[in-house]
Amino acid sequence: MQFQTNAKTTDDKRQELRLQAGAWLKAAREEVGLSQRELAGKMGALYYTFISQIESGKGRLPADRYAVYAEALGVDSREFAIKMLEFYEPTTYQLIFNQKSAI
């Protein structure tokens, strides 16, 4: 079995989803009134630029940080993880939940 993908299209889609994830994370942070520096401190991150990179779509939040990030924002960690899955792994999200991503 052979699969062909257009790497450029896949990379563009991945980057667009990272940008959307970053915008969502920024809005969630602002909704609870935290600065990037304050959020980084709550998460135990050494540098607030970690938050900046994620919010700007230049980075991706590692899955092992989902629970800490959710707690810092005061949101349910399960729902947070599902949302991140929808942004970062839309195909897996679709397979698990048997529905297309709303994103």
Protein backbone atom coordinates (compact mmCIF):
# COMPACT_ATOMS: atom_id res chain seq x y z
CA MET A 1 0.00 0.00 0.00
CA GLN A 2 1.37 3.37 -0.97
CA PHE A 3 0.28 6.73 0.35
CA GLN A 4 0.95 9.98 -1.37
CA THR A 5 0.63 13.29 0.38
CA ASN A 6 1.43 16.78 -0.61
CA ALA A 7 3.96 17.78 2.05
CA LYS A 8 3.49 21.50 1.37
CA THR A 9 -0.27 21.29 1.88
CA THR A 10 0.18 19.23 5.04
CA ASP A 11 2.74 21.69 6.45
CA ASP A 12 0.49 24.65 5.62
CA LYS A 13 -2.50 23.01 7.33
CA ARG A 14 -0.39 22.08 10.37
CA GLN A 15 0.86 25.67 10.66
CA GLU A 16 -2.66 27.07 10.31
CA LEU A 17 -3.87 24.77 13.10
CA ARG A 18 -0.96 25.85 15.33
CA LEU A 19 -1.93 29.47 14.74
CA GLN A 20 -5.53 28.68 15.65
CA ALA A 21 -4.43 26.80 18.76
CA GLY A 22 -2.25 29.74 19.76
CA ALA A 23 -5.12 32.18 19.33
CA TRP A 24 -7.40 29.95 21.39
CA LEU A 25 -4.79 29.60 24.15
CA LYS A 26 -4.16 33.35 24.19
CA ALA A 27 -7.88 34.08 24.48
CA ALA A 28 -8.19 31.55 27.33
CA ARG A 29 -5.23 33.15 29.14
CA GLU A 30 -6.60 36.66 28.68
CA GLU A 31 -10.05 35.56 29.83
CA VAL A 32 -8.63 34.63 33.23
CA GLY A 33 -6.55 37.82 33.36
CA LEU A 34 -3.07 36.32 33.26
CA SER A 35 -0.05 37.77 31.51
CA GLN A 36 2.27 35.43 29.65
CA ARG A 37 4.80 35.81 32.47
CA GLU A 38 2.19 34.98 35.13
CA LEU A 39 1.02 31.91 33.22
CA ALA A 40 4.59 30.72 32.77
CA GLY A 41 5.13 31.11 36.51
CA LYS A 42 2.00 29.11 37.34
CA MET A 43 3.18 26.37 34.99
CA GLY A 44 6.70 26.29 36.35
CA ALA A 45 8.16 27.36 33.00
CA LEU A 46 11.49 29.14 33.24
CA TYR A 47 10.74 31.60 30.46
CA TYR A 48 7.54 33.35 29.47
CA THR A 49 8.75 33.17 25.87
CA PHE A 50 7.58 29.54 26.00
CA ILE A 51 4.02 30.87 26.20
CA SER A 52 4.70 33.47 23.52
CA GLN A 53 5.98 30.85 21.07
CA ILE A 54 2.94 28.66 21.58
CA GLU A 55 0.48 31.55 21.28
CA SER A 56 2.14 32.77 18.08
CA GLY A 57 2.00 29.33 16.47
CA LYS A 58 5.78 28.96 16.39
CA GLY A 59 5.66 26.13 18.87
CA ARG A 60 3.34 23.45 20.05
CA LEU A 61 2.33 22.69 23.59
CA PRO A 62 3.76 19.28 24.53
CA ALA A 63 1.09 16.80 25.59
CA ASP A 64 2.82 16.20 28.92
CA ARG A 65 2.12 19.87 29.79
CA TYR A 66 -1.64 19.81 29.05
CA ALA A 67 -2.73 19.14 32.64
CA VAL A 68 -0.41 21.82 34.08
CA TYR A 69 -1.54 24.38 31.49
CA ALA A 70 -5.21 23.56 32.09
CA GLU A 71 -4.78 23.88 35.85
CA ALA A 72 -3.02 27.23 35.44
CA LEU A 73 -5.97 28.45 33.36
CA GLY A 74 -8.52 26.96 35.76
CA VAL A 75 -10.13 24.75 33.11
CA ASP A 76 -11.00 21.06 33.06
CA SER A 77 -7.91 19.11 32.01
CA ARG A 78 -9.86 16.51 30.01
CA GLU A 79 -11.67 19.14 27.97
CA PHE A 80 -8.40 21.01 27.51
CA ALA A 81 -6.67 17.87 26.22
CA ILE A 82 -9.53 17.18 23.80
CA LYS A 83 -9.28 20.73 22.46
CA MET A 84 -5.52 20.41 21.97
CA LEU A 85 -6.04 17.09 20.20
CA GLU A 86 -8.51 18.79 17.88
CA PHE A 87 -5.90 21.44 16.99
CA TYR A 88 -2.73 19.38 16.93
CA GLU A 89 -4.00 15.97 15.75
CA PRO A 90 -7.25 16.51 13.83
CA THR A 91 -7.15 13.10 12.15
CA THR A 92 -6.80 11.32 15.50
CA TYR A 93 -9.54 13.53 16.93
CA GLN A 94 -11.84 12.52 14.08
CA LEU A 95 -11.09 8.82 14.54
CA ILE A 96 -11.67 8.89 18.30
CA PHE A 97 -14.78 11.04 18.34
CA ASN A 98 -16.13 9.93 14.96
CA GLN A 99 -16.70 13.51 13.92
CA LYS A 100 -14.94 16.15 11.92
CA SER A 101 -13.10 18.79 13.84
CA ALA A 102 -15.07 22.01 14.22
CA ILE A 103 -11.84 23.86 13.57
